[in-house]
Amino acid sequence: MNFRSDHSKKASATHLNSILERGLHYHQQGDLELAEKNYRDILDVMPENANALHLLGVLLNQMQDNL
């Protein structure tokens, strides 16, 4: 499912929460690219999502530290 499509913008809060949980799982497992994709998918639909914003910020900081 591509979250940038019109259909996906109607995603339910429950579905967005499951994406956030999946992103967090990837993040905790060290798969930062997949975690970032999940966080950005949420922000494409709900740019004000505080949890996705926070976790993306943490992730980007970690990625910078790994350079």
N, C-alpha and C. Protein backbone atom coordinates (compact mmCIF):
# COMPACT_ATOMS: atom_id res chain seq x y z
N MET A 1 0.84 -1.18 0.00
CA MET A 1 0.00 0.00 0.00
C MET A 1 0.89 1.24 0.00
N ASN A 2 0.65 2.14 -0.89
CA ASN A 2 1.42 3.38 -0.98
C ASN A 2 0.67 4.49 -0.25
N PHE A 3 1.24 5.01 0.81
CA PHE A 3 0.55 5.99 1.64
C PHE A 3 0.46 7.36 1.01
N ARG A 4 1.05 7.53 -0.14
CA ARG A 4 0.96 8.83 -0.80
C ARG A 4 -0.25 8.93 -1.72
N SER A 5 -0.96 7.85 -1.91
CA SER A 5 -2.13 7.87 -2.78
C SER A 5 -3.32 8.50 -2.05
N ASP A 6 -4.30 8.94 -2.82
CA ASP A 6 -5.50 9.55 -2.23
C ASP A 6 -6.21 8.57 -1.30
N HIS A 7 -6.27 7.33 -1.71
CA HIS A 7 -6.96 6.32 -0.90
C HIS A 7 -6.32 6.20 0.48
N SER A 8 -5.02 6.22 0.52
CA SER A 8 -4.32 6.01 1.78
C SER A 8 -4.49 7.18 2.75
N LYS A 9 -4.83 8.36 2.26
CA LYS A 9 -5.01 9.51 3.13
C LYS A 9 -6.24 9.35 4.01
N LYS A 10 -7.06 8.36 3.71
CA LYS A 10 -8.24 8.07 4.51
C LYS A 10 -7.98 6.94 5.50
N ALA A 11 -6.70 6.62 5.72
CA ALA A 11 -6.34 5.53 6.62
C ALA A 11 -6.85 5.83 8.02
N SER A 12 -7.25 4.80 8.71
CA SER A 12 -7.78 4.97 10.06
C SER A 12 -6.65 5.16 11.06
N ALA A 13 -6.99 5.71 12.21
CA ALA A 13 -6.01 5.91 13.27
C ALA A 13 -5.43 4.57 13.72
N THR A 14 -6.25 3.55 13.72
CA THR A 14 -5.78 2.22 14.10
C THR A 14 -4.72 1.72 13.13
N HIS A 15 -4.95 1.93 11.86
CA HIS A 15 -3.98 1.51 10.85
C HIS A 15 -2.68 2.30 10.99
N LEU A 16 -2.77 3.59 11.21
CA LEU A 16 -1.59 4.42 11.41
C LEU A 16 -0.82 3.98 12.65
N ASN A 17 -1.54 3.61 13.68
CA ASN A 17 -0.88 3.14 14.90
C ASN A 17 -0.12 1.85 14.65
N SER A 18 -0.68 0.96 13.84
CA SER A 18 0.02 -0.30 13.54
C SER A 18 1.28 -0.02 12.71
N ILE A 19 1.24 0.98 11.85
CA ILE A 19 2.43 1.36 11.08
C ILE A 19 3.49 1.93 12.02
N LEU A 20 3.07 2.75 12.98
CA LEU A 20 4.00 3.30 13.96
C LEU A 20 4.66 2.18 14.76
N GLU A 21 3.86 1.21 15.19
CA GLU A 21 4.40 0.08 15.95
C GLU A 21 5.39 -0.72 15.11
N ARG A 22 5.07 -0.91 13.85
CA ARG A 22 5.98 -1.62 12.96
C ARG A 22 7.28 -0.83 12.79
N GLY A 23 7.16 0.48 12.61
CA GLY A 23 8.35 1.33 12.49
C GLY A 23 9.21 1.25 13.74
N LEU A 24 8.58 1.28 14.89
CA LEU A 24 9.31 1.18 16.14
C LEU A 24 10.01 -0.17 16.25
N HIS A 25 9.34 -1.22 15.82
CA HIS A 25 9.96 -2.56 15.83
C HIS A 25 11.21 -2.56 14.95
N TYR A 26 11.10 -2.04 13.73
CA TYR A 26 12.27 -1.96 12.84
C TYR A 26 13.37 -1.13 13.48
N HIS A 27 12.98 -0.03 14.09
CA HIS A 27 13.94 0.87 14.73
C HIS A 27 14.71 0.12 15.82
N GLN A 28 13.98 -0.58 16.67
CA GLN A 28 14.60 -1.31 17.77
C GLN A 28 15.50 -2.44 17.26
N GLN A 29 15.17 -2.99 16.09
CA GLN A 29 15.97 -4.07 15.51
C GLN A 29 17.17 -3.54 14.73
N GLY A 30 17.26 -2.22 14.59
CA GLY A 30 18.38 -1.61 13.90
C GLY A 30 18.18 -1.43 12.41
N ASP A 31 16.98 -1.72 11.90
CA ASP A 31 16.70 -1.51 10.48
C ASP A 31 16.18 -0.09 10.30
N LEU A 32 17.12 0.86 10.29
CA LEU A 32 16.75 2.27 10.30
C LEU A 32 16.08 2.73 9.02
N GLU A 33 16.44 2.14 7.90
CA GLU A 33 15.80 2.54 6.63
C GLU A 33 14.32 2.19 6.62
N LEU A 34 13.97 0.99 7.06
CA LEU A 34 12.55 0.61 7.09
C LEU A 34 11.80 1.41 8.15
N ALA A 35 12.44 1.65 9.28
CA ALA A 35 11.81 2.45 10.32
C ALA A 35 11.52 3.85 9.79
N GLU A 36 12.50 4.44 9.12
CA GLU A 36 12.31 5.79 8.56
C GLU A 36 11.15 5.80 7.57
N LYS A 37 11.07 4.80 6.72
CA LYS A 37 9.98 4.73 5.74
C LYS A 37 8.62 4.71 6.45
N ASN A 38 8.51 3.91 7.49
CA ASN A 38 7.25 3.82 8.22
C ASN A 38 6.90 5.16 8.87
N TYR A 39 7.86 5.80 9.51
CA TYR A 39 7.58 7.09 10.15
C TYR A 39 7.17 8.13 9.12
N ARG A 40 7.86 8.15 7.99
CA ARG A 40 7.53 9.14 6.95
C ARG A 40 6.16 8.83 6.31
N ASP A 41 5.81 7.56 6.19
CA ASP A 41 4.48 7.20 5.66
C ASP A 41 3.39 7.78 6.55
N ILE A 42 3.58 7.71 7.86
CA ILE A 42 2.60 8.28 8.79
C ILE A 42 2.55 9.79 8.62
N LEU A 43 3.71 10.42 8.53
CA LEU A 43 3.75 11.88 8.43
C LEU A 43 3.20 12.39 7.10
N ASP A 44 3.23 11.56 6.06
CA ASP A 44 2.60 11.94 4.79
C ASP A 44 1.10 12.10 4.96
N VAL A 45 0.52 11.30 5.83
CA VAL A 45 -0.93 11.31 6.04
C VAL A 45 -1.31 12.25 7.18
N MET A 46 -0.47 12.28 8.22
CA MET A 46 -0.77 13.05 9.42
C MET A 46 0.50 13.77 9.88
N PRO A 47 0.83 14.90 9.24
CA PRO A 47 2.09 15.59 9.51
C PRO A 47 2.28 16.04 10.96
N GLU A 48 1.21 16.15 11.71
CA GLU A 48 1.31 16.62 13.08
C GLU A 48 1.43 15.47 14.10
N ASN A 49 1.58 14.23 13.63
CA ASN A 49 1.67 13.08 14.53
C ASN A 49 2.94 13.20 15.38
N ALA A 50 2.75 13.51 16.65
CA ALA A 50 3.88 13.77 17.55
C ALA A 50 4.78 12.55 17.72
N ASN A 51 4.20 11.37 17.80
CA ASN A 51 5.02 10.18 18.00
C ASN A 51 5.91 9.92 16.79
N ALA A 52 5.36 10.01 15.60
CA ALA A 52 6.15 9.78 14.39
C ALA A 52 7.22 10.87 14.24
N LEU A 53 6.88 12.12 14.55
CA LEU A 53 7.85 13.21 14.48
C LEU A 53 9.02 12.97 15.44
N HIS A 54 8.68 12.59 16.65
CA HIS A 54 9.70 12.35 17.66
C HIS A 54 10.61 11.18 17.27
N LEU A 55 9.99 10.07 16.89
CA LEU A 55 10.78 8.88 16.55
C LEU A 55 11.63 9.11 15.31
N LEU A 56 11.11 9.85 14.35
CA LEU A 56 11.91 10.18 13.16
C LEU A 56 13.10 11.05 13.56
N GLY A 57 12.90 12.00 14.45
CA GLY A 57 13.99 12.83 14.93
C GLY A 57 15.06 12.02 15.64
N VAL A 58 14.63 11.10 16.48
CA VAL A 58 15.58 10.22 17.18
C VAL A 58 16.36 9.40 16.16
N LEU A 59 15.64 8.83 15.21
CA LEU A 59 16.27 7.99 14.18
C LEU A 59 17.29 8.78 13.36
N LEU A 60 16.92 9.98 12.92
CA LEU A 60 17.84 10.78 12.11
C LEU A 60 19.08 11.17 12.92
N ASN A 61 18.90 11.43 14.21
CA ASN A 61 20.04 11.71 15.07
C ASN A 61 20.96 10.49 15.16
N GLN A 62 20.37 9.31 15.30
CA GLN A 62 21.17 8.08 15.35
C GLN A 62 21.92 7.87 14.06
N MET A 63 21.26 8.11 12.93
CA MET A 63 21.91 7.93 11.64
C MET A 63 23.09 8.89 11.50
N GLN A 64 22.94 10.12 11.97
CA GLN A 64 24.01 11.10 11.89
C GLN A 64 25.19 10.65 12.76
N ASP A 65 24.90 10.10 13.93
CA ASP A 65 25.95 9.63 14.82
C ASP A 65 26.74 8.48 14.21
N ASN A 66 26.10 7.73 13.31
CA ASN A 66 26.75 6.57 12.69
C ASN A 66 27.61 6.95 11.49
N LEU A 67 27.63 8.23 11.10
CA LEU A 67 28.44 8.65 9.96
C LEU A 67 29.91 8.70 10.30
